[in-house]
Amino acid sequence: MNQGRPTRAERRQLGEGVHFITGHAKDGTTQERIDQIVRDGYVILPSIFTACEIAEANAEAAHLEALAAGPASQGGRNAFEGFKTNRIYALADKSRVFDKFVLHPDILALNDYFLEEGYLLSTYLTVTVRPGGESQQLHNDDQFIGHPRPRPLFSTGLMVSLDDFTADNGATVVIPGSHLWSDERIPLREQTIPITMPAGSAVFFLAPVYHGAGNNKTDKQRRSLALQYCQPWLRQTENMMIAVQPEDLNEIPKRLRDMLGYRVHQPFIGYVDGSSPRKGVEKMRQRISDRAKGISRL
């Protein structure tokens, strides 16, 4: 029985790395990008955001860093975060300026092909590699899930350049084709290439691709937005429904609100007391209000 989901095209396996149920390309440009992702594991989307949008995001990120908005906003707490890398987590909670980057139609068109309908936003943060920031350990975004390759495609990743990405300023590096590998292959630094792109661009990649931040050898910082989207049946890396304050939900675009988890995935994943998560939040807020007034009810 079809529970309201659109018909998917087929199950597709890429090498020895990953398999997924495909969607459909919306147009020729999207298909060309899909073909490159299938081959290399990633694709660059050049200059998809305007200079004004990038300037606004940079100003907001600098403002949040000045407020020390989060435990890693002044520098990482371990080598993986990067001791000279500032990270502001929970962007979906801290500013509406960043909403547009999650919802760009070119990005959603790729997710519509690689992820199942109802996919979620799994992480959303800024990554600012300061001068002297060291190369990050090469990793892939699904390596903490205990499934051997070839494994299901659990998530996709996105880096949006708020500054130019260059070979010298800490641009993300990738190993092309590493999404096709088996578990036996070991990633080596000399196999990487830097993702060079102007500010306002984005690189979209599949979770099994080995990647990492590069070494910033310049005297200027390199800032980006880092996002992950995940399958609708997978637990998000960042607990979005706690990270985002419930009183702010009405200010968030509905599509993004659904991607935070405020939508039941058909037929019934994520329900609250037999109803939608959104109604569950309102019930919780009413209960808190009642208790403050000394009223007790179910």
Protein backbone atom coordinates (compact mmCIF):
# COMPACT_ATOMS: atom_id res chain seq x y z
CA MET A 1 0.00 0.00 0.00
CA ASN A 2 1.36 3.44 -0.92
CA GLN A 3 1.20 5.59 2.23
CA GLY A 4 1.20 8.87 0.32
CA ARG A 5 4.85 8.83 -0.77
CA PRO A 6 5.66 9.59 -4.41
CA THR A 7 6.82 6.65 -6.49
CA ARG A 8 10.61 6.39 -6.48
CA ALA A 9 12.50 5.38 -9.60
CA GLU A 10 14.80 2.55 -8.49
CA ARG A 11 17.39 1.39 -5.97
CA ARG A 12 20.85 2.34 -7.16
CA GLN A 13 24.24 1.19 -5.89
CA LEU A 14 27.41 3.22 -6.43
CA GLY A 15 30.51 1.04 -6.47
CA GLU A 16 31.21 -0.64 -3.14
CA GLY A 17 30.25 2.40 -1.09
CA VAL A 18 26.59 3.30 -0.98
CA HIS A 19 23.11 2.52 -2.29
CA PHE A 20 19.92 4.55 -2.26
CA ILE A 21 16.41 4.79 -3.69
CA THR A 22 16.49 7.40 -6.41
CA GLY A 23 14.13 10.26 -7.03
CA HIS A 24 13.78 12.11 -10.34
CA ALA A 25 15.81 14.94 -11.83
CA LYS A 26 13.66 18.03 -12.31
CA ASP A 27 15.56 19.40 -15.34
CA GLY A 28 18.64 18.99 -17.49
CA THR A 29 20.92 21.08 -15.28
CA THR A 30 19.97 19.03 -12.23
CA GLN A 31 20.63 15.81 -14.17
CA GLU A 32 24.10 17.01 -15.14
CA ARG A 33 24.86 17.73 -11.50
CA ILE A 34 23.50 14.35 -10.45
CA ASP A 35 25.72 12.65 -13.03
CA GLN A 36 28.78 14.40 -11.60
CA ILE A 37 27.82 13.45 -8.04
CA VAL A 38 27.35 9.82 -9.08
CA ARG A 39 30.84 9.87 -10.64
CA ASP A 40 32.81 12.00 -8.16
CA GLY A 41 30.66 12.08 -5.04
CA TYR A 42 30.28 15.87 -5.08
CA VAL A 43 29.44 18.85 -7.27
CA ILE A 44 30.19 22.57 -7.00
CA LEU A 45 27.27 24.98 -7.41
CA PRO A 46 29.01 28.24 -8.37
CA SER A 47 27.73 31.63 -7.19
CA ILE A 48 24.19 30.54 -6.34
CA PHE A 49 23.86 33.19 -3.61
CA THR A 50 24.08 36.93 -4.15
CA ALA A 51 26.74 39.24 -2.77
CA CYS A 52 24.10 40.87 -0.56
CA GLU A 53 23.03 37.52 0.88
CA ILE A 54 26.64 36.60 1.62
CA ALA A 55 27.39 39.99 3.20
CA GLU A 56 24.33 39.68 5.44
CA ALA A 57 25.31 36.15 6.51
CA ASN A 58 28.89 37.21 7.25
CA ALA A 59 27.71 40.14 9.36
CA GLU A 60 25.33 37.92 11.31
CA ALA A 61 27.98 35.24 11.86
CA ALA A 62 30.47 37.87 13.09
CA HIS A 63 27.80 39.23 15.43
CA LEU A 64 27.15 35.77 16.89
CA GLU A 65 30.87 35.14 17.33
CA ALA A 66 31.18 38.45 19.19
CA LEU A 67 28.39 37.30 21.50
CA ALA A 68 30.24 34.01 22.13
CA ALA A 69 27.07 32.26 20.96
CA GLY A 70 27.96 28.67 21.72
CA PRO A 71 30.67 26.49 23.23
CA ALA A 72 32.95 26.54 20.17
CA SER A 73 32.31 30.08 18.91
CA GLN A 74 35.78 31.25 20.00
CA GLY A 75 37.64 28.11 18.94
CA GLY A 76 37.27 24.36 18.86
CA ARG A 77 37.44 22.14 21.93
CA ASN A 78 39.37 19.34 20.25
CA ALA A 79 41.49 18.67 17.18
CA PHE A 80 38.50 17.62 15.08
CA GLU A 81 36.61 20.87 15.71
CA GLY A 82 39.90 22.70 15.21
CA PHE A 83 41.54 24.75 17.95
CA LYS A 84 41.79 27.71 15.55
CA THR A 85 38.34 27.15 14.05
CA ASN A 86 35.24 28.94 15.32
CA ARG A 87 31.95 27.07 15.11
CA ILE A 88 28.48 28.38 15.83
CA TYR A 89 26.00 25.54 16.15
CA ALA A 90 22.18 25.59 16.07
CA LEU A 91 21.92 28.24 13.38
CA ALA A 92 18.26 27.36 12.82
CA ASP A 93 17.63 28.72 16.32
CA LYS A 94 19.95 31.72 16.42
CA SER A 95 18.97 33.74 13.36
CA ARG A 96 16.47 33.76 10.51
CA VAL A 97 19.19 35.22 8.25
CA PHE A 98 20.45 31.69 7.56
CA ASP A 99 17.12 30.11 6.54
CA LYS A 100 17.54 30.84 2.83
CA PHE A 101 20.71 28.78 2.57
CA VAL A 102 18.93 25.61 3.66
CA LEU A 103 16.09 26.08 1.17
CA HIS A 104 17.79 27.08 -2.07
CA PRO A 105 15.94 25.27 -4.91
CA ASP A 106 19.13 24.01 -6.58
CA ILE A 107 20.16 22.32 -3.35
CA LEU A 108 16.72 20.88 -2.66
CA ALA A 109 16.57 19.51 -6.22
CA LEU A 110 19.67 17.40 -5.52
CA ASN A 111 18.35 16.21 -2.17
CA ASP A 112 15.06 15.31 -3.86
CA TYR A 113 17.00 12.83 -5.99
CA PHE A 114 19.40 11.36 -3.44
CA LEU A 115 17.26 11.38 -0.27
CA GLU A 116 13.76 10.11 0.38
CA GLU A 117 10.76 12.41 0.52
CA GLY A 118 10.50 14.16 3.88
CA TYR A 119 14.27 14.39 4.47
CA LEU A 120 15.44 16.37 7.48
CA LEU A 121 18.02 19.00 8.36
CA SER A 122 20.57 17.14 10.47
CA THR A 123 23.20 19.79 11.29
CA TYR A 124 23.60 23.51 10.63
CA LEU A 125 26.58 25.56 11.76
CA THR A 126 29.20 28.09 10.76
CA VAL A 127 32.82 27.01 10.30
CA THR A 128 35.43 29.78 10.41
CA VAL A 129 39.01 28.59 9.92
CA ARG A 130 41.30 31.27 11.32
CA PRO A 131 44.89 31.89 10.13
CA GLY A 132 47.04 28.97 11.17
CA GLY A 133 44.12 26.57 11.38
CA GLU A 134 45.44 23.06 10.75
CA SER A 135 44.11 20.49 8.32
CA GLN A 136 41.21 18.51 9.71
CA GLN A 137 41.29 14.73 9.92
CA LEU A 138 39.84 13.19 6.78
CA HIS A 139 36.45 11.69 7.51
CA ASN A 140 33.07 10.94 6.04
CA ASP A 141 29.78 12.02 7.57
CA ASP A 142 28.29 8.57 8.08
CA GLN A 143 31.33 6.78 9.53
CA PHE A 144 29.87 6.80 13.06
CA ILE A 145 26.93 4.65 11.89
CA GLY A 146 27.83 0.99 12.31
CA HIS A 147 26.83 -0.26 8.86
CA PRO A 148 29.54 -1.72 6.61
CA ARG A 149 29.89 -0.51 3.04
CA PRO A 150 28.05 -0.71 0.76
CA ARG A 151 25.55 0.92 3.10
CA PRO A 152 22.41 2.97 2.61
CA LEU A 153 22.84 6.64 1.85
CA PHE A 154 22.09 8.14 5.24
CA SER A 155 22.80 11.80 4.51
CA THR A 156 24.15 14.48 2.20
CA GLY A 157 26.41 17.41 3.03
CA LEU A 158 26.73 21.02 1.93
CA MET A 159 29.35 23.70 2.43
CA VAL A 160 28.39 27.27 1.50
CA SER A 161 31.35 29.62 0.99
CA LEU A 162 30.91 32.91 2.82
CA ASP A 163 34.49 33.73 1.82
CA ASP A 164 36.37 32.64 -1.28
CA PHE A 165 37.62 29.06 -0.93
CA THR A 166 41.26 28.84 -2.08
CA ALA A 167 43.95 26.18 -1.92
CA ASP A 168 45.77 28.24 0.72
CA ASN A 169 43.03 29.50 3.07
CA GLY A 170 41.63 26.27 4.45
CA ALA A 171 39.21 25.30 1.69
CA THR A 172 37.47 21.98 2.22
CA VAL A 173 39.36 19.13 0.56
CA VAL A 174 37.76 15.99 -0.85
CA ILE A 175 38.85 12.66 -2.33
CA PRO A 176 36.91 12.37 -5.59
CA GLY A 177 35.31 8.97 -6.03
CA SER A 178 35.78 7.90 -2.41
CA HIS A 179 32.03 7.31 -2.10
CA LEU A 180 32.62 4.25 -4.30
CA TRP A 181 35.18 2.68 -1.98
CA SER A 182 34.83 -0.37 0.24
CA ASP A 183 35.67 -0.17 3.95
CA GLU A 184 39.16 -1.55 3.21
CA ARG A 185 40.34 1.60 1.43
CA ILE A 186 42.31 4.02 3.60
CA PRO A 187 42.09 7.76 2.76
CA LEU A 188 45.42 9.54 2.24
CA ARG A 189 46.05 13.28 2.30
CA GLU A 190 47.83 13.17 -1.08
CA GLN A 191 44.62 11.86 -2.67
CA THR A 192 42.70 15.04 -1.81
CA ILE A 193 41.95 18.06 -3.94
CA PRO A 194 40.82 21.47 -2.60
CA ILE A 195 37.32 22.74 -3.35
CA THR A 196 38.14 26.16 -4.76
CA MET A 197 35.12 28.41 -5.38
CA PRO A 198 34.13 32.06 -4.97
CA ALA A 199 32.08 33.34 -2.05
CA GLY A 200 28.40 32.62 -2.62
CA SER A 201 29.01 29.14 -3.99
CA ALA A 202 28.29 25.74 -2.46
CA VAL A 203 29.65 22.24 -2.69
CA PHE A 204 27.13 19.39 -2.35
CA PHE A 205 28.42 15.91 -1.51
CA LEU A 206 27.29 12.46 -0.46
CA ALA A 207 27.98 11.38 3.13
CA PRO A 208 30.47 8.58 2.25
CA VAL A 209 32.88 11.02 0.52
CA TYR A 210 36.10 11.53 2.45
CA HIS A 211 36.68 15.21 3.14
CA GLY A 212 37.96 17.69 5.72
CA ALA A 213 38.88 21.33 6.28
CA GLY A 214 42.22 22.37 4.85
CA ASN A 215 45.14 24.19 6.46
CA ASN A 216 44.75 27.99 6.44
CA LYS A 217 48.19 29.29 5.46
CA THR A 218 47.01 32.87 4.90
CA ASP A 219 46.60 35.83 7.24
CA LYS A 220 42.80 35.93 6.76
CA GLN A 221 39.98 33.74 8.02
CA ARG A 222 37.88 31.45 5.81
CA ARG A 223 34.19 31.27 6.82
CA SER A 224 31.51 28.88 5.59
CA LEU A 225 28.17 27.37 6.47
CA ALA A 226 28.10 23.62 7.01
CA LEU A 227 24.88 21.66 6.62
CA GLN A 228 23.84 18.05 6.59
CA TYR A 229 20.51 16.67 5.44
CA CYS A 230 19.45 13.15 6.42
CA GLN A 231 16.87 10.52 5.59
CA PRO A 232 13.46 11.09 7.20
CA TRP A 233 13.75 7.89 9.23
CA LEU A 234 17.20 8.67 10.68
CA ARG A 235 17.92 10.44 13.96
CA GLN A 236 19.38 13.90 13.29
CA THR A 237 22.94 14.57 14.42
CA GLU A 238 21.83 17.80 16.09
CA ASN A 239 18.61 17.52 18.10
CA MET A 240 16.78 20.23 16.22
CA MET A 241 13.53 19.98 18.15
CA ILE A 242 15.34 20.95 21.35
CA ALA A 243 17.89 23.28 19.74
CA VAL A 244 15.16 25.50 18.27
CA GLN A 245 12.99 27.31 20.80
CA PRO A 246 9.31 26.33 20.42
CA GLU A 247 8.11 29.93 20.73
CA ASP A 248 10.03 30.74 17.52
CA LEU A 249 8.38 28.10 15.34
CA ASN A 250 5.82 30.42 13.76
CA GLU A 251 8.65 32.61 12.45
CA ILE A 252 10.32 29.71 10.61
CA PRO A 253 9.34 28.89 7.01
CA LYS A 254 7.09 25.83 6.92
CA ARG A 255 9.46 23.82 4.71
CA LEU A 256 12.33 24.41 7.13
CA ARG A 257 10.06 23.70 10.12
CA ASP A 258 9.16 20.36 8.58
CA MET A 259 12.86 19.65 8.03
CA LEU A 260 13.55 20.25 11.72
CA GLY A 261 11.23 17.33 12.49
CA TYR A 262 7.81 18.96 12.86
CA ARG A 263 6.21 16.70 10.31
CA VAL A 264 5.10 13.09 10.59
CA HIS A 265 6.95 10.91 8.10
CA GLN A 266 4.44 8.59 6.50
CA PRO A 267 2.88 6.54 7.77
CA PHE A 268 3.61 7.46 11.42
CA ILE A 269 7.28 8.11 12.22
CA GLY A 270 7.66 11.02 14.63
CA TYR A 271 4.11 11.37 15.93
CA VAL A 272 3.37 12.81 19.38
CA ASP A 273 0.47 11.40 21.38
CA GLY A 274 -1.13 10.14 18.18
CA SER A 275 -0.89 13.51 16.45
CA SER A 276 1.62 15.86 14.78
CA PRO A 277 4.77 17.11 16.56
CA ARG A 278 3.57 20.68 16.05
CA LYS A 279 0.40 19.96 18.03
CA GLY A 280 2.54 18.19 20.60
CA VAL A 281 4.58 21.36 21.15
CA GLU A 282 1.44 23.42 21.71
CA LYS A 283 0.17 20.82 24.16
CA MET A 284 3.50 20.95 26.03
CA ARG A 285 3.43 24.75 26.19
CA GLN A 286 -0.13 24.68 27.52
CA ARG A 287 0.84 22.15 30.15
CA ILE A 288 3.75 24.35 31.31
CA SER A 289 1.43 27.34 31.50
CA ASP A 290 -1.18 25.36 33.44
CA ARG A 291 1.37 24.10 35.95
CA ALA A 292 2.58 27.66 36.57
CA LYS A 293 -1.03 28.47 37.45
CA GLY A 294 -1.41 25.41 39.66
CA ILE A 295 -3.67 23.61 37.19
CA SER A 296 -3.13 19.88 36.77
CA ARG A 297 -4.39 18.03 33.68
CA LEU A 298 -3.30 15.35 31.25
